[in-house]
């Protein structure tokens, strides 16, 4: 295994170790960044960039993004989170008011999209009709 592959493997392990019980460990992250800065300059830049991207990816995988055409109450948002919590590890939730979806919800967790919007339903019906 060459040096850059070993470094990538190390970075991936550091990203995983940066989370304790599903939460980002700030102390561990600061310590890791400090240690990565001690590498040779070209390796340090590469390692820090990979580490930052890895942390972002991992945080994205645990963030529930809710889009709705109407404002949702905190109880409605909590019900959505509760329904998804058994299948996904959700640490953060964002809400976006998006009238362009016309109605319903669009939920995103990492790369996974659940589109229950009226706009999507209309598109699917249109696709079916055009296919006949």
N, C-alpha and C. Protein backbone atom coordinates (compact mmCIF):
# COMPACT_ATOMS: atom_id res chain seq x y z
N UNK A 1 0.85 -1.18 0.00
CA UNK A 1 0.00 0.00 0.00
C UNK A 1 0.90 1.24 0.00
N UNK A 2 0.65 2.16 -0.93
CA UNK A 2 1.52 3.34 -0.98
C UNK A 2 1.15 4.35 0.10
N UNK A 3 1.98 5.37 0.22
CA UNK A 3 1.86 6.33 1.31
C UNK A 3 0.53 7.09 1.28
N UNK A 4 0.07 7.51 0.09
CA UNK A 4 -1.17 8.29 0.02
C UNK A 4 -2.39 7.43 0.36
N UNK A 5 -2.36 6.13 -0.01
CA UNK A 5 -3.47 5.23 0.35
C UNK A 5 -3.51 5.05 1.87
N UNK A 6 -2.35 4.94 2.49
CA UNK A 6 -2.30 4.81 3.94
C UNK A 6 -2.84 6.07 4.61
N UNK A 7 -2.49 7.22 4.05
CA UNK A 7 -2.96 8.50 4.60
C UNK A 7 -4.47 8.62 4.46
N UNK A 8 -5.01 8.22 3.32
CA UNK A 8 -6.46 8.27 3.10
C UNK A 8 -7.16 7.34 4.10
N UNK A 9 -6.63 6.15 4.29
CA UNK A 9 -7.21 5.20 5.24
C UNK A 9 -7.17 5.79 6.65
N UNK A 10 -6.05 6.41 7.01
CA UNK A 10 -5.92 7.06 8.32
C UNK A 10 -6.96 8.16 8.48
N UNK A 11 -7.12 8.99 7.45
CA UNK A 11 -8.09 10.09 7.50
C UNK A 11 -9.50 9.54 7.69
N UNK A 12 -9.85 8.50 6.93
CA UNK A 12 -11.19 7.90 7.07
C UNK A 12 -11.42 7.39 8.48
N UNK A 13 -10.40 6.78 9.07
CA UNK A 13 -10.51 6.32 10.45
C UNK A 13 -10.65 7.48 11.43
N UNK A 14 -9.92 8.57 11.16
CA UNK A 14 -10.03 9.75 12.01
C UNK A 14 -11.41 10.39 11.93
N UNK A 15 -12.00 10.39 10.73
CA UNK A 15 -13.36 10.93 10.57
C UNK A 15 -14.33 10.13 11.43
N UNK A 16 -14.26 8.81 11.34
CA UNK A 16 -15.15 7.95 12.13
C UNK A 16 -14.92 8.17 13.63
N UNK A 17 -13.66 8.29 14.03
CA UNK A 17 -13.33 8.47 15.44
C UNK A 17 -13.70 9.87 15.96
N UNK A 18 -14.01 10.79 15.06
CA UNK A 18 -14.36 12.16 15.45
C UNK A 18 -15.77 12.26 16.01
N UNK A 19 -16.50 11.16 15.96
CA UNK A 19 -17.87 11.15 16.45
C UNK A 19 -17.97 10.21 17.65
N UNK A 20 -18.49 10.72 18.75
CA UNK A 20 -18.70 9.94 19.95
C UNK A 20 -20.20 9.87 20.22
N UNK A 21 -20.73 8.65 20.24
CA UNK A 21 -22.17 8.44 20.41
C UNK A 21 -22.97 9.26 19.41
N UNK A 22 -22.46 9.32 18.17
CA UNK A 22 -23.16 10.01 17.10
C UNK A 22 -22.97 11.51 17.07
N UNK A 23 -22.25 12.07 18.03
CA UNK A 23 -22.05 13.52 18.08
C UNK A 23 -20.59 13.85 17.79
N UNK A 24 -20.40 14.98 17.10
CA UNK A 24 -19.06 15.43 16.77
C UNK A 24 -18.31 15.81 18.05
N UNK A 25 -17.14 15.24 18.24
CA UNK A 25 -16.31 15.48 19.41
C UNK A 25 -15.35 16.62 19.09
N UNK A 26 -15.69 17.83 19.55
CA UNK A 26 -14.90 19.03 19.23
C UNK A 26 -13.44 18.90 19.68
N UNK A 27 -13.22 18.35 20.88
CA UNK A 27 -11.86 18.21 21.38
C UNK A 27 -11.04 17.30 20.47
N UNK A 28 -11.62 16.17 20.06
CA UNK A 28 -10.92 15.23 19.18
C UNK A 28 -10.61 15.89 17.84
N UNK A 29 -11.57 16.65 17.31
CA UNK A 29 -11.37 17.31 16.01
C UNK A 29 -10.22 18.32 16.10
N UNK A 30 -10.21 19.14 17.15
CA UNK A 30 -9.13 20.13 17.31
C UNK A 30 -7.77 19.44 17.45
N UNK A 31 -7.72 18.37 18.21
CA UNK A 31 -6.48 17.63 18.41
C UNK A 31 -6.02 17.01 17.08
N UNK A 32 -6.98 16.46 16.32
CA UNK A 32 -6.64 15.84 15.03
C UNK A 32 -6.10 16.88 14.06
N UNK A 33 -6.76 18.02 13.98
CA UNK A 33 -6.30 19.10 13.08
C UNK A 33 -4.90 19.54 13.47
N UNK A 34 -4.67 19.70 14.75
CA UNK A 34 -3.35 20.10 15.23
C UNK A 34 -2.29 19.08 14.81
N UNK A 35 -2.60 17.80 14.94
CA UNK A 35 -1.65 16.75 14.55
C UNK A 35 -1.45 16.69 13.04
N UNK A 36 -2.50 16.88 12.27
CA UNK A 36 -2.38 16.84 10.81
C UNK A 36 -1.54 18.01 10.29
N UNK A 37 -1.59 19.13 10.98
CA UNK A 37 -0.78 20.29 10.58
C UNK A 37 0.71 20.02 10.72
N UNK A 38 1.08 19.02 11.50
CA UNK A 38 2.49 18.70 11.73
C UNK A 38 3.10 17.88 10.59
N UNK A 39 2.29 17.40 9.68
CA UNK A 39 2.79 16.66 8.52
C UNK A 39 3.55 17.59 7.59
N UNK A 40 4.27 17.03 6.62
CA UNK A 40 4.91 17.85 5.59
C UNK A 40 3.82 18.69 4.93
N UNK A 41 4.18 19.86 4.44
CA UNK A 41 3.17 20.81 3.97
C UNK A 41 2.22 20.24 2.92
N UNK A 42 2.76 19.52 1.90
CA UNK A 42 1.87 18.98 0.87
C UNK A 42 0.96 17.88 1.43
N UNK A 43 1.48 17.06 2.35
CA UNK A 43 0.66 16.02 2.98
C UNK A 43 -0.36 16.65 3.93
N UNK A 44 0.05 17.69 4.63
CA UNK A 44 -0.85 18.36 5.58
C UNK A 44 -2.04 18.96 4.85
N UNK A 45 -1.78 19.63 3.73
CA UNK A 45 -2.86 20.24 2.95
C UNK A 45 -3.81 19.16 2.45
N UNK A 46 -3.27 18.09 1.91
CA UNK A 46 -4.08 16.98 1.41
C UNK A 46 -4.91 16.37 2.55
N UNK A 47 -4.25 16.09 3.69
CA UNK A 47 -4.91 15.44 4.82
C UNK A 47 -6.00 16.32 5.42
N UNK A 48 -5.71 17.60 5.58
CA UNK A 48 -6.71 18.51 6.15
C UNK A 48 -7.92 18.66 5.23
N UNK A 49 -7.67 18.71 3.93
CA UNK A 49 -8.77 18.81 2.97
C UNK A 49 -9.64 17.55 3.01
N UNK A 50 -9.01 16.37 3.01
CA UNK A 50 -9.73 15.10 3.08
C UNK A 50 -10.52 14.99 4.39
N UNK A 51 -9.90 15.41 5.48
CA UNK A 51 -10.54 15.35 6.78
C UNK A 51 -11.78 16.25 6.82
N UNK A 52 -11.64 17.46 6.31
CA UNK A 52 -12.76 18.41 6.28
C UNK A 52 -13.92 17.84 5.44
N UNK A 53 -13.60 17.32 4.26
CA UNK A 53 -14.64 16.74 3.40
C UNK A 53 -15.29 15.53 4.07
N UNK A 54 -14.49 14.72 4.74
CA UNK A 54 -15.02 13.54 5.42
C UNK A 54 -15.96 13.92 6.56
N UNK A 55 -15.59 14.94 7.33
CA UNK A 55 -16.46 15.40 8.41
C UNK A 55 -17.77 15.95 7.84
N UNK A 56 -17.66 16.71 6.76
CA UNK A 56 -18.86 17.26 6.12
C UNK A 56 -19.79 16.16 5.63
N UNK A 57 -19.20 15.15 5.01
CA UNK A 57 -19.98 14.02 4.50
C UNK A 57 -20.68 13.29 5.64
N UNK A 58 -19.95 13.05 6.72
CA UNK A 58 -20.51 12.33 7.87
C UNK A 58 -21.62 13.15 8.54
N UNK A 59 -21.42 14.46 8.66
CA UNK A 59 -22.46 15.32 9.22
C UNK A 59 -23.69 15.34 8.33
N UNK A 60 -23.47 15.36 7.02
CA UNK A 60 -24.57 15.36 6.06
C UNK A 60 -25.41 14.09 6.19
N UNK A 61 -24.75 12.97 6.46
CA UNK A 61 -25.45 11.69 6.60
C UNK A 61 -26.35 11.66 7.82
N UNK A 62 -26.14 12.55 8.77
CA UNK A 62 -26.93 12.57 10.00
C UNK A 62 -27.83 13.79 10.10
N UNK A 63 -27.97 14.53 9.01
CA UNK A 63 -28.81 15.72 9.01
C UNK A 63 -30.08 15.47 8.20
N UNK A 64 -31.21 15.68 8.84
CA UNK A 64 -32.50 15.59 8.18
C UNK A 64 -32.86 16.97 7.68
N UNK A 65 -33.07 17.07 6.38
CA UNK A 65 -33.47 18.33 5.76
C UNK A 65 -34.94 18.18 5.35
N UNK A 66 -35.79 19.05 5.86
CA UNK A 66 -37.22 18.99 5.58
C UNK A 66 -37.60 20.20 4.74
N UNK A 67 -38.21 19.93 3.59
CA UNK A 67 -38.76 21.00 2.75
C UNK A 67 -40.27 20.87 2.75
N UNK A 68 -40.95 21.98 2.90
CA UNK A 68 -42.41 21.98 2.88
C UNK A 68 -42.88 23.27 2.24
N UNK A 69 -44.08 23.21 1.64
CA UNK A 69 -44.63 24.42 1.05
C UNK A 69 -45.31 25.30 2.10
N UNK A 70 -45.53 24.74 3.30
CA UNK A 70 -46.14 25.49 4.40
C UNK A 70 -45.30 25.31 5.66
N UNK A 71 -45.39 26.28 6.54
CA UNK A 71 -44.64 26.20 7.80
C UNK A 71 -45.17 25.03 8.62
N UNK A 72 -44.24 24.28 9.22
CA UNK A 72 -44.61 23.16 10.07
C UNK A 72 -44.42 23.54 11.54
N UNK A 73 -45.27 23.01 12.39
CA UNK A 73 -45.13 23.26 13.82
C UNK A 73 -43.99 22.40 14.37
N UNK A 74 -43.46 22.78 15.52
CA UNK A 74 -42.42 21.96 16.13
C UNK A 74 -42.89 20.52 16.38
N UNK A 75 -44.16 20.33 16.74
CA UNK A 75 -44.70 18.98 16.94
C UNK A 75 -44.68 18.18 15.65
N UNK A 76 -45.02 18.80 14.53
CA UNK A 76 -45.00 18.11 13.24
C UNK A 76 -43.58 17.71 12.85
N UNK A 77 -42.64 18.61 13.07
CA UNK A 77 -41.23 18.32 12.77
C UNK A 77 -40.73 17.18 13.66
N UNK A 78 -41.07 17.21 14.94
CA UNK A 78 -40.65 16.15 15.85
C UNK A 78 -41.26 14.81 15.47
N UNK A 79 -42.50 14.80 14.98
CA UNK A 79 -43.12 13.54 14.55
C UNK A 79 -42.38 12.97 13.35
N UNK A 80 -42.01 13.82 12.40
CA UNK A 80 -41.24 13.37 11.23
C UNK A 80 -39.91 12.78 11.68
N UNK A 81 -39.21 13.49 12.57
CA UNK A 81 -37.93 13.00 13.09
C UNK A 81 -38.10 11.66 13.79
N UNK A 82 -39.13 11.55 14.61
CA UNK A 82 -39.38 10.31 15.35
C UNK A 82 -39.65 9.15 14.40
N UNK A 83 -40.43 9.40 13.35
CA UNK A 83 -40.75 8.35 12.38
C UNK A 83 -39.50 7.85 11.65
N UNK A 84 -38.54 8.74 11.42
CA UNK A 84 -37.33 8.38 10.67
C UNK A 84 -36.17 7.94 11.58
N UNK A 85 -36.26 8.25 12.86
CA UNK A 85 -35.15 8.00 13.77
C UNK A 85 -34.81 6.52 13.89
N UNK A 86 -35.80 5.66 13.78
CA UNK A 86 -35.52 4.23 13.92
C UNK A 86 -34.66 3.70 12.78
N UNK A 87 -34.78 4.31 11.60
CA UNK A 87 -34.02 3.84 10.44
C UNK A 87 -32.73 4.63 10.22
N UNK A 88 -32.71 5.90 10.60
CA UNK A 88 -31.57 6.77 10.35
C UNK A 88 -31.09 7.40 11.65
N UNK A 89 -29.80 7.65 11.72
CA UNK A 89 -29.22 8.33 12.87
C UNK A 89 -29.27 9.84 12.59
N UNK A 90 -30.26 10.51 13.10
CA UNK A 90 -30.46 11.93 12.83
C UNK A 90 -29.95 12.74 14.03
N UNK A 91 -28.96 13.59 13.75
CA UNK A 91 -28.41 14.44 14.79
C UNK A 91 -28.86 15.89 14.64
N UNK A 92 -29.08 16.31 13.41
CA UNK A 92 -29.45 17.69 13.13
C UNK A 92 -30.67 17.71 12.22
N UNK A 93 -31.44 18.77 12.32
CA UNK A 93 -32.59 18.94 11.44
C UNK A 93 -32.60 20.36 10.91
N UNK A 94 -32.83 20.48 9.61
CA UNK A 94 -33.00 21.80 9.01
C UNK A 94 -34.37 21.85 8.37
N UNK A 95 -34.95 23.03 8.30
CA UNK A 95 -36.26 23.21 7.69
C UNK A 95 -36.15 24.30 6.64
N UNK A 96 -36.76 24.04 5.47
CA UNK A 96 -36.76 25.01 4.39
C UNK A 96 -38.17 25.18 3.89
N UNK A 97 -38.67 26.39 3.88
CA UNK A 97 -39.96 26.71 3.30
C UNK A 97 -39.78 26.84 1.80
N UNK A 98 -40.44 25.97 1.02
CA UNK A 98 -40.24 25.92 -0.43
C UNK A 98 -41.60 25.83 -1.14
N UNK A 99 -42.21 26.98 -1.45
CA UNK A 99 -43.52 26.96 -2.10
C UNK A 99 -43.52 26.28 -3.48
N UNK A 100 -42.36 26.14 -4.10
CA UNK A 100 -42.31 25.56 -5.45
C UNK A 100 -42.66 24.07 -5.47
N UNK A 101 -42.65 23.39 -4.31
CA UNK A 101 -43.03 21.97 -4.30
C UNK A 101 -44.55 21.80 -4.27
N UNK A 102 -45.28 22.91 -4.15
CA UNK A 102 -46.75 23.00 -4.25
C UNK A 102 -47.50 22.42 -3.06
N UNK A 103 -47.01 21.42 -2.42
CA UNK A 103 -47.65 20.79 -1.26
C UNK A 103 -46.87 19.56 -0.87
N UNK A 104 -47.15 19.02 0.30
CA UNK A 104 -46.45 17.82 0.74
C UNK A 104 -45.09 18.14 1.32
N UNK A 105 -44.23 17.12 1.32
CA UNK A 105 -42.90 17.24 1.92
C UNK A 105 -41.84 16.66 1.01
N UNK A 106 -40.63 17.16 1.17
CA UNK A 106 -39.45 16.57 0.57
C UNK A 106 -38.44 16.42 1.71
N UNK A 107 -38.02 15.19 1.98
CA UNK A 107 -37.09 14.91 3.07
C UNK A 107 -35.78 14.39 2.50
N UNK A 108 -34.67 14.87 3.05
CA UNK A 108 -33.35 14.42 2.59
C UNK A 108 -32.49 14.11 3.81
N UNK A 109 -31.88 12.92 3.76
CA UNK A 109 -30.90 12.52 4.76
C UNK A 109 -29.69 12.04 3.99
N UNK A 110 -28.63 12.83 4.01
CA UNK A 110 -27.45 12.51 3.20
C UNK A 110 -27.83 12.49 1.74
N UNK A 111 -27.58 11.39 1.06
CA UNK A 111 -27.91 11.25 -0.36
C UNK A 111 -29.30 10.65 -0.58
N UNK A 112 -29.99 10.33 0.48
CA UNK A 112 -31.29 9.66 0.39
C UNK A 112 -32.40 10.71 0.36
N UNK A 113 -33.27 10.64 -0.65
CA UNK A 113 -34.35 11.61 -0.82
C UNK A 113 -35.70 10.90 -0.78
N UNK A 114 -36.58 11.41 0.05
CA UNK A 114 -37.98 10.96 0.10
C UNK A 114 -38.81 12.15 -0.39
N UNK A 115 -39.38 12.04 -1.58
CA UNK A 115 -40.10 13.15 -2.18
C UNK A 115 -41.59 12.86 -2.20
N UNK A 116 -42.29 13.44 -1.23
CA UNK A 116 -43.74 13.30 -1.13
C UNK A 116 -44.42 14.61 -1.53
N UNK A 117 -43.79 15.34 -2.42
CA UNK A 117 -44.33 16.64 -2.82
C UNK A 117 -45.38 16.49 -3.91
N UNK A 118 -46.29 17.45 -3.95
CA UNK A 118 -47.30 17.47 -5.00
C UNK A 118 -46.65 17.65 -6.36
N UNK A 119 -45.62 18.46 -6.43
CA UNK A 119 -44.90 18.68 -7.68
C UNK A 119 -44.35 17.37 -8.23
N UNK A 120 -43.78 16.54 -7.37
CA UNK A 120 -43.24 15.25 -7.79
C UNK A 120 -44.36 14.31 -8.24
N UNK A 121 -45.49 14.32 -7.53
CA UNK A 121 -46.63 13.47 -7.92
C UNK A 121 -47.15 13.85 -9.30
N UNK A 122 -47.26 15.14 -9.56
CA UNK A 122 -47.71 15.62 -10.87
C UNK A 122 -46.73 15.19 -11.95
N UNK A 123 -45.43 15.30 -11.66
CA UNK A 123 -44.41 14.88 -12.62
C UNK A 123 -44.53 13.39 -12.92
N UNK A 124 -44.73 12.56 -11.88
CA UNK A 124 -44.86 11.12 -12.08
C UNK A 124 -46.09 10.77 -12.92
N UNK A 125 -47.20 11.45 -12.68
CA UNK A 125 -48.41 11.22 -13.49
C UNK A 125 -48.14 11.62 -14.93
N UNK A 126 -47.47 12.75 -15.13
CA UNK A 126 -47.12 13.19 -16.48
C UNK A 126 -46.23 12.17 -17.19
N UNK A 127 -45.28 11.61 -16.47
CA UNK A 127 -44.38 10.60 -17.05
C UNK A 127 -45.17 9.38 -17.46
N UNK A 128 -46.13 8.97 -16.65
CA UNK A 128 -46.96 7.80 -16.97
C UNK A 128 -47.81 8.07 -18.20
N UNK A 129 -48.45 9.25 -18.26
CA UNK A 129 -49.30 9.60 -19.40
C UNK A 129 -48.49 9.67 -20.69
N UNK A 130 -47.31 10.26 -20.62
CA UNK A 130 -46.46 10.35 -21.82
C UNK A 130 -45.98 8.98 -22.27
N UNK A 131 -45.89 8.03 -21.33
CA UNK A 131 -45.42 6.69 -21.65
C UNK A 131 -46.49 5.83 -22.31
N UNK A 132 -47.74 6.26 -22.26
CA UNK A 132 -48.84 5.45 -22.86
C UNK A 132 -48.89 5.62 -24.35
